C-alpha atoms as a PDB file:
ATOM      1  CA  UNK A   1      -0.019  -0.026   0.041  1.00  0.00           C
ATOM      2  CA  UNK A   2       1.650   3.604  -1.098  1.00  0.00           C
ATOM      3  CA  UNK A   3       1.669   6.108   1.439  1.00  0.00           C
ATOM      4  CA  UNK A   4      -0.896   8.064  -0.309  1.00  0.00           C
ATOM      5  CA  UNK A   5      -3.601   5.418   0.129  1.00  0.00           C
ATOM      6  CA  UNK A   6      -2.266   4.738   3.749  1.00  0.00           C
ATOM      7  CA  UNK A   7      -3.173   8.751   4.813  1.00  0.00           C
ATOM      8  CA  UNK A   8      -6.339   8.577   3.126  1.00  0.00           C
ATOM      9  CA  UNK A   9      -9.268  10.379   4.853  1.00  0.00           C
ATOM     10  CA  UNK A  10      -9.452   7.167   7.694  1.00  0.00           C
ATOM     11  CA  UNK A  11      -6.116   7.245   7.927  1.00  0.00           C
ATOM     12  CA  UNK A  12      -5.986  11.156   8.665  1.00  0.00           C
ATOM     13  CA  UNK A  13      -8.827  10.983  10.420  1.00  0.00           C
ATOM     14  CA  UNK A  14      -7.143   8.494  13.187  1.00  0.00           C
ATOM     15  CA  UNK A  15      -3.457  10.312  12.839  1.00  0.00           C
ATOM     16  CA  UNK A  16      -5.292  13.568  13.788  1.00  0.00           C
ATOM     17  CA  UNK A  17      -7.202  11.799  16.822  1.00  0.00           C
ATOM     18  CA  UNK A  18      -3.753   9.751  18.128  1.00  0.00           C
ATOM     19  CA  UNK A  19      -2.228  13.293  18.148  1.00  0.00           C
ATOM     20  CA  UNK A  20      -4.838  14.330  21.127  1.00  0.00           C
ATOM     21  CA  UNK A  21      -2.683  11.824  23.099  1.00  0.00           C
ATOM     22  CA  UNK A  22       0.714  12.097  25.173  1.00  0.00           C
ATOM     23  CA  UNK A  23       1.120  15.694  26.063  1.00  0.00           C
ATOM     24  CA  UNK A  24      -2.831  16.364  26.213  1.00  0.00           C
ATOM     25  CA  UNK A  25      -1.766  17.007  30.110  1.00  0.00           C
ATOM     26  CA  UNK A  26       1.000  19.748  29.853  1.00  0.00           C
ATOM     27  CA  UNK A  27      -0.847  21.768  27.635  1.00  0.00           C
ATOM     28  CA  UNK A  28      -1.925  24.127  30.102  1.00  0.00           C
ATOM     29  CA  UNK A  29       1.364  24.128  31.798  1.00  0.00           C
ATOM     30  CA  UNK A  30       1.922  27.524  30.354  1.00  0.00           C
ATOM     31  CA  UNK A  31      -1.478  28.330  32.281  1.00  0.00           C
ATOM     32  CA  UNK A  32      -0.536  27.143  35.829  1.00  0.00           C
ATOM     33  CA  UNK A  33       0.455  30.590  37.237  1.00  0.00           C
ATOM     34  CA  UNK A  34      -2.157  32.339  36.318  1.00  0.00           C
ATOM     35  CA  UNK A  35      -4.435  29.296  37.613  1.00  0.00           C
ATOM     36  CA  UNK A  36      -2.486  30.001  40.906  1.00  0.00           C
ATOM     37  CA  UNK A  37      -3.347  33.411  40.787  1.00  0.00           C
ATOM     38  CA  UNK A  38      -6.760  33.236  40.412  1.00  0.00           C
ATOM     39  CA  UNK A  39      -7.727  30.393  42.983  1.00  0.00           C
ATOM     40  CA  UNK A  40      -4.843  32.264  45.829  1.00  0.00           C
ATOM     41  CA  UNK A  41      -7.279  31.965  48.588  1.00  0.00           C
ATOM     42  CA  UNK A  42      -7.874  28.251  48.428  1.00  0.00           C
ATOM     43  CA  UNK A  43      -5.711  26.846  50.794  1.00  0.00           C
ATOM     44  CA  UNK A  44      -2.599  24.969  49.524  1.00  0.00           C
ATOM     45  CA  UNK A  45      -2.977  26.452  46.381  1.00  0.00           C
ATOM     46  CA  UNK A  46       0.666  25.678  45.630  1.00  0.00           C
ATOM     47  CA  UNK A  47       0.537  22.034  45.841  1.00  0.00           C
ATOM     48  CA  UNK A  48      -3.275  21.918  44.115  1.00  0.00           C
ATOM     49  CA  UNK A  49      -2.262  23.467  41.313  1.00  0.00           C
ATOM     50  CA  UNK A  50       0.370  21.094  39.981  1.00  0.00           C
ATOM     51  CA  UNK A  51      -2.274  18.263  40.419  1.00  0.00           C
ATOM     52  CA  UNK A  52      -4.526  20.632  37.860  1.00  0.00           C
ATOM     53  CA  UNK A  53      -1.664  19.708  35.383  1.00  0.00           C
ATOM     54  CA  UNK A  54      -1.073  15.692  36.071  1.00  0.00           C
ATOM     55  CA  UNK A  55      -4.685  14.472  37.587  1.00  0.00           C
ATOM     56  CA  UNK A  56      -5.261  13.242  33.930  1.00  0.00           C
ATOM     57  CA  UNK A  57      -2.217  11.285  34.168  1.00  0.00           C
ATOM     58  CA  UNK A  58      -4.126   9.491  37.414  1.00  0.00           C
ATOM     59  CA  UNK A  59      -6.777   8.690  35.332  1.00  0.00           C
ATOM     60  CA  UNK A  60      -5.522   7.255  32.602  1.00  0.00           C
ATOM     61  CA  UNK A  61      -3.132   4.789  34.894  1.00  0.00           C
ATOM     62  CA  UNK A  62      -6.440   3.969  36.774  1.00  0.00           C
ATOM     63  CA  UNK A  63      -8.719   3.472  33.527  1.00  0.00           C
ATOM     64  CA  UNK A  64      -6.748   3.021  30.642  1.00  0.00           C
ATOM     65  CA  UNK A  65      -6.893  -1.178  31.573  1.00  0.00           C
ATOM     66  CA  UNK A  66     -10.685  -0.662  31.648  1.00  0.00           C
ATOM     67  CA  UNK A  67     -11.023   1.024  28.449  1.00  0.00           C
ATOM     68  CA  UNK A  68      -9.237  -2.010  26.764  1.00  0.00           C
ATOM     69  CA  UNK A  69     -11.619  -4.283  27.738  1.00  0.00           C
ATOM     70  CA  UNK A  70     -14.575  -1.904  26.711  1.00  0.00           C
ATOM     71  CA  UNK A  71     -13.610  -1.356  23.408  1.00  0.00           C
ATOM     72  CA  UNK A  72     -12.102  -5.263  22.613  1.00  0.00           C
ATOM     73  CA  UNK A  73     -16.428  -5.969  23.402  1.00  0.00           C
ATOM     74  CA  UNK A  74     -18.286  -3.272  22.096  1.00  0.00           C
ATOM     75  CA  UNK A  75     -16.117  -1.813  19.390  1.00  0.00           C
ATOM     76  CA  UNK A  76     -13.176   0.425  18.810  1.00  0.00           C
ATOM     77  CA  UNK A  77     -14.897   3.481  16.930  1.00  0.00           C
ATOM     78  CA  UNK A  78     -17.615   3.539  19.324  1.00  0.00           C
ATOM     79  CA  UNK A  79     -15.553   4.139  21.959  1.00  0.00           C
ATOM     80  CA  UNK A  80     -13.408   6.401  19.901  1.00  0.00           C
ATOM     81  CA  UNK A  81     -15.684   8.857  18.855  1.00  0.00           C
ATOM     82  CA  UNK A  82     -17.533   9.161  22.193  1.00  0.00           C
ATOM     83  CA  UNK A  83     -13.826   9.496  23.940  1.00  0.00           C
ATOM     84  CA  UNK A  84     -12.532  12.081  21.786  1.00  0.00           C
ATOM     85  CA  UNK A  85     -16.068  14.087  22.356  1.00  0.00           C
ATOM     86  CA  UNK A  86     -15.402  13.724  25.636  1.00  0.00           C
ATOM     87  CA  UNK A  87     -11.573  15.182  25.125  1.00  0.00           C
ATOM     88  CA  UNK A  88     -13.164  18.126  23.661  1.00  0.00           C
ATOM     89  CA  UNK A  89     -15.811  19.375  26.156  1.00  0.00           C
ATOM     90  CA  UNK A  90     -13.787  17.815  29.388  1.00  0.00           C
ATOM     91  CA  UNK A  91     -10.394  19.457  28.669  1.00  0.00           C
ATOM     92  CA  UNK A  92     -12.100  23.099  27.489  1.00  0.00           C
ATOM     93  CA  UNK A  93     -14.707  22.884  30.644  1.00  0.00           C
ATOM     94  CA  UNK A  94     -11.587  24.606  32.977  1.00  0.00           C
ATOM     95  CA  UNK A  95     -11.953  27.992  30.376  1.00  0.00           C
ATOM     96  CA  UNK A  96     -15.707  28.387  32.526  1.00  0.00           C
ATOM     97  CA  UNK A  97     -15.188  26.401  35.846  1.00  0.00           C
ATOM     98  CA  UNK A  98     -15.898  29.093  39.097  1.00  0.00           C
ATOM     99  CA  UNK A  99     -14.279  26.898  41.603  1.00  0.00           C
ATOM    100  CA  UNK A 100     -11.291  24.617  41.899  1.00  0.00           C
ATOM    101  CA  UNK A 101     -13.109  21.895  42.506  1.00  0.00           C
ATOM    102  CA  UNK A 102     -15.079  21.861  39.061  1.00  0.00           C
ATOM    103  CA  UNK A 103     -12.252  22.346  37.390  1.00  0.00           C
ATOM    104  CA  UNK A 104     -10.505  18.712  39.520  1.00  0.00           C
ATOM    105  CA  UNK A 105     -13.454  17.312  37.900  1.00  0.00           C
ATOM    106  CA  UNK A 106     -13.222  18.072  34.221  1.00  0.00           C
ATOM    107  CA  UNK A 107      -9.395  17.223  34.504  1.00  0.00           C
ATOM    108  CA  UNK A 108     -10.415  13.722  35.583  1.00  0.00           C
ATOM    109  CA  UNK A 109     -12.775  13.565  32.779  1.00  0.00           C
ATOM    110  CA  UNK A 110     -10.260  14.268  29.956  1.00  0.00           C
ATOM    111  CA  UNK A 111      -8.068  11.689  31.718  1.00  0.00           C
ATOM    112  CA  UNK A 112     -10.276   9.175  31.371  1.00  0.00           C
ATOM    113  CA  UNK A 113     -11.120  10.592  27.541  1.00  0.00           C
ATOM    114  CA  UNK A 114      -7.029  10.382  27.308  1.00  0.00           C
ATOM    115  CA  UNK A 115      -6.894   6.637  28.056  1.00  0.00           C
ATOM    116  CA  UNK A 116      -9.967   5.413  26.042  1.00  0.00           C
ATOM    117  CA  UNK A 117      -9.060   7.763  22.553  1.00  0.00           C
ATOM    118  CA  UNK A 118      -5.141   6.287  23.429  1.00  0.00           C
ATOM    119  CA  UNK A 119      -6.312   2.830  23.816  1.00  0.00           C
ATOM    120  CA  UNK A 120      -8.598   2.826  20.650  1.00  0.00           C
ATOM    121  CA  UNK A 121      -6.072   4.463  18.107  1.00  0.00           C
ATOM    122  CA  UNK A 122      -3.743   2.161  18.804  1.00  0.00           C
ATOM    123  CA  UNK A 123      -6.041  -0.844  18.738  1.00  0.00           C
ATOM    124  CA  UNK A 124      -7.824   0.620  15.167  1.00  0.00           C
ATOM    125  CA  UNK A 125      -4.106   1.157  13.630  1.00  0.00           C
ATOM    126  CA  UNK A 126      -3.476  -2.234  14.541  1.00  0.00           C
ATOM    127  CA  UNK A 127      -6.333  -3.779  13.175  1.00  0.00           C
ATOM    128  CA  UNK A 128      -6.404  -1.835  10.048  1.00  0.00           C
ATOM    129  CA  UNK A 129      -2.798  -2.685   8.209  1.00  0.00           C
ATOM    130  CA  UNK A 130      -0.723  -5.570   8.198  1.00  0.00           C
ATOM    131  CA  UNK A 131       2.771  -6.328   7.396  1.00  0.00           C
ATOM    132  CA  UNK A 132       5.176  -3.189   6.223  1.00  0.00           C
ATOM    133  CA  UNK A 133       1.849  -0.990   6.182  1.00  0.00           C
ATOM    134  CA  UNK A 134       1.254  -1.378  10.119  1.00  0.00           C
ATOM    135  CA  UNK A 135       4.482  -0.595  10.572  1.00  0.00           C
ATOM    136  CA  UNK A 136       4.875   2.395   8.162  1.00  0.00           C
ATOM    137  CA  UNK A 137       1.646   3.343   9.809  1.00  0.00           C
ATOM    138  CA  UNK A 138       2.406   3.130  13.613  1.00  0.00           C
ATOM    139  CA  UNK A 139       5.554   5.342  13.130  1.00  0.00           C
ATOM    140  CA  UNK A 140       3.645   7.356  11.379  1.00  0.00           C
ATOM    141  CA  UNK A 141       0.674   7.713  14.520  1.00  0.00           C
ATOM    142  CA  UNK A 142       4.119   7.929  17.064  1.00  0.00           C
ATOM    143  CA  UNK A 143       4.649  11.046  15.159  1.00  0.00           C
ATOM    144  CA  UNK A 144       1.833  12.680  14.728  1.00  0.00           C
ATOM    145  CA  UNK A 145       1.588  12.113  19.175  1.00  0.00           C
ATOM    146  CA  UNK A 146       4.806  13.977  19.043  1.00  0.00           C
ATOM    147  CA  UNK A 147       3.820  17.008  16.793  1.00  0.00           C
ATOM    148  CA  UNK A 148       0.440  17.495  18.433  1.00  0.00           C
ATOM    149  CA  UNK A 149       1.917  17.489  21.697  1.00  0.00           C
ATOM    150  CA  UNK A 150       4.443  20.466  20.612  1.00  0.00           C
ATOM    151  CA  UNK A 151       1.392  22.023  18.545  1.00  0.00           C
ATOM    152  CA  UNK A 152      -0.744  22.156  21.563  1.00  0.00           C
ATOM    153  CA  UNK A 153       2.451  23.328  24.207  1.00  0.00           C
ATOM    154  CA  UNK A 154       2.410  26.253  22.072  1.00  0.00           C
ATOM    155  CA  UNK A 155      -1.361  26.791  21.504  1.00  0.00           C
ATOM    156  CA  UNK A 156      -1.750  27.100  25.221  1.00  0.00           C
ATOM    157  CA  UNK A 157       0.999  29.182  25.715  1.00  0.00           C
ATOM    158  CA  UNK A 158       0.057  31.504  23.071  1.00  0.00           C
ATOM    159  CA  UNK A 159      -3.918  31.292  24.406  1.00  0.00           C
ATOM    160  CA  UNK A 160      -2.563  31.661  28.286  1.00  0.00           C
ATOM    161  CA  UNK A 161      -0.748  35.172  27.361  1.00  0.00           C
ATOM    162  CA  UNK A 162      -4.342  35.930  26.814  1.00  0.00           C
ATOM    163  CA  UNK A 163      -5.766  34.880  29.580  1.00  0.00           C
ATOM    164  CA  UNK A 164      -5.362  31.473  31.768  1.00  0.00           C
ATOM    165  CA  UNK A 165      -9.018  30.114  30.388  1.00  0.00           C
ATOM    166  CA  UNK A 166      -7.569  30.704  27.158  1.00  0.00           C
ATOM    167  CA  UNK A 167      -5.415  27.573  27.431  1.00  0.00           C
ATOM    168  CA  UNK A 168      -8.324  25.564  28.104  1.00  0.00           C
ATOM    169  CA  UNK A 169     -10.128  26.195  24.933  1.00  0.00           C
ATOM    170  CA  UNK A 170      -7.077  24.459  22.716  1.00  0.00           C
ATOM    171  CA  UNK A 171      -9.015  21.428  23.700  1.00  0.00           C
ATOM    172  CA  UNK A 172     -11.809  22.023  21.503  1.00  0.00           C
ATOM    173  CA  UNK A 173     -10.088  21.285  18.513  1.00  0.00           C
ATOM    174  CA  UNK A 174     -11.092  17.937  19.348  1.00  0.00           C
ATOM    175  CA  UNK A 175     -14.825  18.524  18.004  1.00  0.00           C
ATOM    176  CA  UNK A 176     -13.006  19.131  14.440  1.00  0.00           C
ATOM    177  CA  UNK A 177     -11.727  15.739  14.637  1.00  0.00           C
ATOM    178  CA  UNK A 178     -14.812  14.159  16.370  1.00  0.00           C
ATOM    179  CA  UNK A 179     -16.091  15.149  12.766  1.00  0.00           C
ATOM    180  CA  UNK A 180     -13.737  13.069  11.039  1.00  0.00           C
ATOM    181  CA  UNK A 181     -13.702   9.951  13.068  1.00  0.00           C
ATOM    182  CA  UNK A 182     -17.255   9.546  12.749  1.00  0.00           C
ATOM    183  CA  UNK A 183     -17.390   9.921   8.693  1.00  0.00           C
ATOM    184  CA  UNK A 184     -14.003   8.491   8.451  1.00  0.00           C
ATOM    185  CA  UNK A 185     -13.609   5.372  10.663  1.00  0.00           C
ATOM    186  CA  UNK A 186     -14.488   2.127  10.869  1.00  0.00           C
ATOM    187  CA  UNK A 187     -14.116  -1.027  12.747  1.00  0.00           C
ATOM    188  CA  UNK A 188     -11.858  -3.712  11.148  1.00  0.00           C
ATOM    189  CA  UNK A 189     -13.813  -6.631   9.821  1.00  0.00           C
ATOM    190  CA  UNK A 190     -14.223  -9.206  12.311  1.00  0.00           C
ATOM    191  CA  UNK A 191     -12.735 -12.437  11.726  1.00  0.00           C
ATOM    192  CA  UNK A 192     -15.277 -15.321  12.441  1.00  0.00           C
ATOM    193  CA  UNK A 193     -14.438 -17.869  15.187  1.00  0.00           C
ATOM    194  CA  UNK A 194     -13.346 -21.279  13.721  1.00  0.00           C
ATOM    195  CA  UNK A 195     -15.228 -24.435  15.662  1.00  0.00           C
ATOM    196  CA  UNK A 196     -13.723 -25.885  17.854  1.00  0.00           C
ATOM    197  CA  UNK A 197     -10.685 -23.841  17.198  1.00  0.00           C
ATOM    198  CA  UNK A 198      -8.370 -23.730  20.449  1.00  0.00           C
ATOM    199  CA  UNK A 199      -9.260 -20.415  22.368  1.00  0.00           C
ATOM    200  CA  UNK A 200      -7.285 -17.059  22.295  1.00  0.00           C
ATOM    201  CA  UNK A 201      -4.033 -17.118  24.818  1.00  0.00           C
ATOM    202  CA  UNK A 202      -2.818 -13.334  25.942  1.00  0.00           C
ATOM    203  CA  UNK A 203       0.917 -13.660  25.823  1.00  0.00           C
ATOM    204  CA  UNK A 204       1.580 -12.183  29.154  1.00  0.00           C
ATOM    205  CA  UNK A 205       5.086 -12.689  29.391  1.00  0.00           C
ATOM    206  CA  UNK A 206       5.547 -10.562  26.469  1.00  0.00           C
ATOM    207  CA  UNK A 207       2.963  -8.214  27.637  1.00  0.00           C
ATOM    208  CA  UNK A 208       4.552  -7.489  31.072  1.00  0.00           C
ATOM    209  CA  UNK A 209       7.911  -7.236  29.312  1.00  0.00           C
ATOM    210  CA  UNK A 210       6.645  -4.498  26.506  1.00  0.00           C
ATOM    211  CA  UNK A 211       5.129  -2.406  29.871  1.00  0.00           C
ATOM    212  CA  UNK A 212       8.570  -2.558  31.464  1.00  0.00           C
ATOM    213  CA  UNK A 213       9.945  -0.951  28.451  1.00  0.00           C
ATOM    214  CA  UNK A 214       6.619   1.462  28.162  1.00  0.00           C
ATOM    215  CA  UNK A 215       7.427   2.660  31.770  1.00  0.00           C
ATOM    216  CA  UNK A 216      11.428   2.750  31.468  1.00  0.00           C
ATOM    217  CA  UNK A 217      11.447   4.642  28.133  1.00  0.00           C
ATOM    218  CA  UNK A 218       8.621   7.427  29.804  1.00  0.00           C
ATOM    219  CA  UNK A 219      10.412   7.976  33.201  1.00  0.00           C
ATOM    220  CA  UNK A 220      13.644   8.816  31.270  1.00  0.00           C
ATOM    221  CA  UNK A 221      12.330  10.467  28.615  1.00  0.00           C
ATOM    222  CA  UNK A 222      10.736  12.971  30.540  1.00  0.00           C
ATOM    223  CA  UNK A 223      13.495  13.496  32.892  1.00  0.00           C
ATOM    224  CA  UNK A 224      14.608  15.775  30.256  1.00  0.00           C
ATOM    225  CA  UNK A 225      11.839  18.589  30.150  1.00  0.00           C
ATOM    226  CA  UNK A 226      11.549  18.099  33.740  1.00  0.00           C
ATOM    227  CA  UNK A 227      15.784  18.754  34.520  1.00  0.00           C
ATOM    228  CA  UNK A 228      16.919  20.199  31.590  1.00  0.00           C
ATOM    229  CA  UNK A 229      16.272  23.710  32.766  1.00  0.00           C
ATOM    230  CA  UNK A 230      18.051  23.066  35.793  1.00  0.00           C
ATOM    231  CA  UNK A 231      21.046  21.807  34.074  1.00  0.00           C
ATOM    232  CA  UNK A 232      21.187  25.250  31.512  1.00  0.00           C
ATOM    233  CA  UNK A 233      20.850  27.147  34.514  1.00  0.00           C
ATOM    234  CA  UNK A 234      24.047  25.582  35.812  1.00  0.00           C
ATOM    235  CA  UNK A 235      25.917  26.155  32.667  1.00  0.00           C
ATOM    236  CA  UNK A 236      25.106  29.667  32.779  1.00  0.00           C
ATOM    237  CA  UNK A 237      22.044  29.529  30.064  1.00  0.00           C
ATOM    238  CA  UNK A 238      19.079  31.054  32.141  1.00  0.00           C
ATOM    239  CA  UNK A 239      16.548  31.967  29.879  1.00  0.00           C
ATOM    240  CA  UNK A 240      13.773  29.350  29.992  1.00  0.00           C
ATOM    241  CA  UNK A 241      13.819  29.825  25.508  1.00  0.00           C
ATOM    242  CA  UNK A 242      17.308  28.166  25.480  1.00  0.00           C
ATOM    243  CA  UNK A 243      15.851  24.969  27.216  1.00  0.00           C
ATOM    244  CA  UNK A 244      12.400  24.910  24.913  1.00  0.00           C
ATOM    245  CA  UNK A 245      15.113  24.781  22.191  1.00  0.00           C
ATOM    246  CA  UNK A 246      16.398  22.076  23.322  1.00  0.00           C
ATOM    247  CA  UNK A 247      13.383  19.957  24.334  1.00  0.00           C
ATOM    248  CA  UNK A 248      11.364  20.869  20.929  1.00  0.00           C
ATOM    249  CA  UNK A 249      14.909  19.673  19.255  1.00  0.00           C
ATOM    250  CA  UNK A 250      14.752  16.093  20.702  1.00  0.00           C
ATOM    251  CA  UNK A 251      10.996  16.064  19.843  1.00  0.00           C
ATOM    252  CA  UNK A 252      12.107  17.690  16.065  1.00  0.00           C
ATOM    253  CA  UNK A 253      14.254  13.971  15.704  1.00  0.00           C
ATOM    254  CA  UNK A 254      11.565  11.409  17.240  1.00  0.00           C
ATOM    255  CA  UNK A 255       9.141  12.929  14.437  1.00  0.00           C
ATOM    256  CA  UNK A 256      11.520  12.132  12.204  1.00  0.00           C
ATOM    257  CA  UNK A 257      12.613   8.569  13.125  1.00  0.00           C
ATOM    258  CA  UNK A 258       8.782   7.978  13.600  1.00  0.00           C
ATOM    259  CA  UNK A 259       8.439   8.682   9.950  1.00  0.00           C
ATOM    260  CA  UNK A 260      11.349   6.483   9.430  1.00  0.00           C
ATOM    261  CA  UNK A 261      10.091   3.372  11.651  1.00  0.00           C
ATOM    262  CA  UNK A 262       8.941   1.316   8.721  1.00  0.00           C
ATOM    263  CA  UNK A 263      12.006   2.036   6.571  1.00  0.00           C
ATOM    264  CA  UNK A 264      13.974   0.777   9.261  1.00  0.00           C
ATOM    265  CA  UNK A 265      11.656  -2.144  10.206  1.00  0.00           C
ATOM    266  CA  UNK A 266      11.940  -3.406   6.609  1.00  0.00           C
ATOM    267  CA  UNK A 267      15.542  -3.696   7.223  1.00  0.00           C
ATOM    268  CA  UNK A 268      15.889  -4.646  10.865  1.00  0.00           C
ATOM    269  CA  UNK A 269      14.264  -7.508  13.532  1.00  0.00           C
ATOM    270  CA  UNK A 270      12.243  -5.832  15.844  1.00  0.00           C
ATOM    271  CA  UNK A 271      15.127  -6.746  18.849  1.00  0.00           C
ATOM    272  CA  UNK A 272      17.813  -4.766  16.668  1.00  0.00           C
ATOM    273  CA  UNK A 273      15.444  -1.889  16.481  1.00  0.00           C
ATOM    274  CA  UNK A 274      15.701  -1.879  20.324  1.00  0.00           C
ATOM    275  CA  UNK A 275      19.482  -1.864  20.068  1.00  0.00           C
ATOM    276  CA  UNK A 276      19.188   0.876  17.358  1.00  0.00           C
ATOM    277  CA  UNK A 277      17.113   3.158  19.911  1.00  0.00           C
ATOM    278  CA  UNK A 278      18.385   2.312  23.261  1.00  0.00           C
ATOM    279  CA  UNK A 279      22.171   2.482  21.809  1.00  0.00           C
ATOM    280  CA  UNK A 280      20.985   6.107  20.416  1.00  0.00           C
ATOM    281  CA  UNK A 281      19.319   6.421  23.949  1.00  0.00           C
ATOM    282  CA  UNK A 282      22.334   6.071  26.000  1.00  0.00           C
ATOM    283  CA  UNK A 283      24.479   8.090  23.280  1.00  0.00           C
ATOM    284  CA  UNK A 284      22.021  11.009  24.029  1.00  0.00           C
ATOM    285  CA  UNK A 285      22.061  11.242  27.852  1.00  0.00           C
ATOM    286  CA  UNK A 286      25.501  10.875  27.777  1.00  0.00           C
ATOM    287  CA  UNK A 287      26.589  13.580  25.831  1.00  0.00           C
ATOM    288  CA  UNK A 288      23.653  15.820  27.643  1.00  0.00           C
ATOM    289  CA  UNK A 289      25.462  14.246  31.334  1.00  0.00           C
ATOM    290  CA  UNK A 290      28.986  15.116  30.443  1.00  0.00           C
ATOM    291  CA  UNK A 291      27.837  18.468  28.667  1.00  0.00           C
ATOM    292  CA  UNK A 292      29.857  21.662  29.434  1.00  0.00           C
ATOM    293  CA  UNK A 293      28.036  23.346  26.516  1.00  0.00           C
ATOM    294  CA  UNK A 294      24.712  24.469  25.029  1.00  0.00           C
ATOM    295  CA  UNK A 295      25.594  22.944  21.542  1.00  0.00           C
ATOM    296  CA  UNK A 296      26.379  19.611  23.660  1.00  0.00           C
ATOM    297  CA  UNK A 297      23.364  19.565  25.055  1.00  0.00           C
ATOM    298  CA  UNK A 298      21.463  20.172  21.886  1.00  0.00           C
ATOM    299  CA  UNK A 299      23.419  16.973  20.203  1.00  0.00           C
ATOM    300  CA  UNK A 300      22.623  14.856  23.265  1.00  0.00           C
ATOM    301  CA  UNK A 301      18.700  15.746  22.559  1.00  0.00           C
ATOM    302  CA  UNK A 302      18.924  15.526  19.037  1.00  0.00           C
ATOM    303  CA  UNK A 303      20.524  12.129  19.290  1.00  0.00           C
ATOM    304  CA  UNK A 304      18.244  11.168  22.353  1.00  0.00           C
ATOM    305  CA  UNK A 305      14.894  12.093  20.414  1.00  0.00           C
ATOM    306  CA  UNK A 306      15.911  10.127  17.610  1.00  0.00           C
ATOM    307  CA  UNK A 307      16.133   6.938  19.409  1.00  0.00           C
ATOM    308  CA  UNK A 308      12.871   7.750  21.613  1.00  0.00           C
ATOM    309  CA  UNK A 309      10.752   7.852  17.814  1.00  0.00           C
ATOM    310  CA  UNK A 310      11.720   4.379  17.164  1.00  0.00           C
ATOM    311  CA  UNK A 311      10.574   2.702  20.721  1.00  0.00           C
ATOM    312  CA  UNK A 312       7.514   3.020  21.238  1.00  0.00           C
ATOM    313  CA  UNK A 313       6.135   2.154  17.251  1.00  0.00           C
ATOM    314  CA  UNK A 314       8.257  -0.992  17.965  1.00  0.00           C
ATOM    315  CA  UNK A 315       7.138  -2.217  21.040  1.00  0.00           C
ATOM    316  CA  UNK A 316       3.663  -1.847  19.920  1.00  0.00           C
ATOM    317  CA  UNK A 317       3.980  -3.595  16.577  1.00  0.00           C
ATOM    318  CA  UNK A 318       5.970  -6.452  18.026  1.00  0.00           C
ATOM    319  CA  UNK A 319       3.678  -6.817  20.407  1.00  0.00           C
ATOM    320  CA  UNK A 320       0.357  -6.659  18.581  1.00  0.00           C
ATOM    321  CA  UNK A 321       1.988  -9.278  16.258  1.00  0.00           C
ATOM    322  CA  UNK A 322       1.661 -11.553  19.056  1.00  0.00           C
ATOM    323  CA  UNK A 323      -1.414 -10.711  20.331  1.00  0.00           C
ATOM    324  CA  UNK A 324      -4.805 -12.324  19.276  1.00  0.00           C
ATOM    325  CA  UNK A 325      -7.162  -9.765  17.421  1.00  0.00           C
ATOM    326  CA  UNK A 326      -9.857 -10.055  19.772  1.00  0.00           C
ATOM    327  CA  UNK A 327      -7.165  -9.340  22.300  1.00  0.00           C
ATOM    328  CA  UNK A 328      -5.514  -6.267  20.933  1.00  0.00           C
ATOM    329  CA  UNK A 329      -7.810  -3.368  23.201  1.00  0.00           C
ATOM    330  CA  UNK A 330      -6.950  -5.104  26.248  1.00  0.00           C
ATOM    331  CA  UNK A 331      -3.236  -5.163  24.953  1.00  0.00           C
ATOM    332  CA  UNK A 332      -3.015  -1.899  23.972  1.00  0.00           C
ATOM    333  CA  UNK A 333      -5.306   0.041  27.534  1.00  0.00           C
ATOM    334  CA  UNK A 334      -2.455  -1.803  29.660  1.00  0.00           C
ATOM    335  CA  UNK A 335       0.311  -0.213  27.432  1.00  0.00           C
ATOM    336  CA  UNK A 336      -1.228   2.803  27.676  1.00  0.00           C
ATOM    337  CA  UNK A 337      -1.617   2.848  31.585  1.00  0.00           C
ATOM    338  CA  UNK A 338       2.177   2.103  31.661  1.00  0.00           C
ATOM    339  CA  UNK A 339       3.052   5.320  29.930  1.00  0.00           C
ATOM    340  CA  UNK A 340       1.274   7.027  31.825  1.00  0.00           C
ATOM    341  CA  UNK A 341       2.778   5.660  34.953  1.00  0.00           C
ATOM    342  CA  UNK A 342       5.875   6.310  33.853  1.00  0.00           C
ATOM    343  CA  UNK A 343       5.553   9.857  32.606  1.00  0.00           C
ATOM    344  CA  UNK A 344       3.673  10.109  36.562  1.00  0.00           C
ATOM    345  CA  UNK A 345       7.113   8.465  37.885  1.00  0.00           C
ATOM    346  CA  UNK A 346       9.482  10.480  36.504  1.00  0.00           C
ATOM    347  CA  UNK A 347       9.471  13.936  38.327  1.00  0.00           C
ATOM    348  CA  UNK A 348       9.685  11.458  41.452  1.00  0.00           C
ATOM    349  CA  UNK A 349      12.427   9.276  39.967  1.00  0.00           C
ATOM    350  CA  UNK A 350      14.378  12.068  38.270  1.00  0.00           C
END
């Protein structure tokens, strides 16, 4: 299948939905000072304002596995439509709340939606493609998640300049994506069960391995945006824009490697792709760790991002090649949960 066919209306709708997920929590990061000031009379506001950003991750951790069961039973498309709609409404609700409790409710519902969107889009990407097409499309999906994160953060920052409430309006883009999902996305045809066939089994050991990889990779990946500004300050680079450029450098190379994943996978086995990816990450973090100049930091984040761009598509494709089709939702849900466990633990670990 050509790239033009992969990126038809259905493919673009799926990629657009995928772009909503990984960085959805951080979209309102630029608005946190404004939220703190708006609710400054609330006891413990310094702690609570951080929870505004992290609460969706906690909800994803608690519910993503359940979403996997739901989409296996009731279909990927139905769950995706419901979750994209909830994503837009719950995310944007922060622009209209009058109390912090109302904001927390909206953020909790956003987390519920994020878990469902990520689980359903991953399962659909695997169901609707096979062979090299699956490899390429899963790479495109990883790139869409990264690019969505950058665009969401930039848009949130721009709107937060106007008002802290403005940052929440970014989530309304999901309602436009909802129209595309309704019009173009359909579930893959179900494979009829053969009478007397051996019941399908989940490869639990291999699933546990891939979930562990997801936790570790996200834990390590988020150390860069969490700690890089502090490292740059030690090097005498105080302006926040330079930290932003360094993080963006890794994101750009991550998008490039995710887009190239299909070609990489055509030449190397899945284990060897992991070797290349983790090797790049090790070299990148090594450069950052010994850096004495800003240029070395940029080289390190670029190499690190290039490796990370391969990891998630490779792990998901490799896992789903071993998971029975009727269980892919559950497997996707558990990997989604693992991704957000790593995100949540990263600031604590670092």
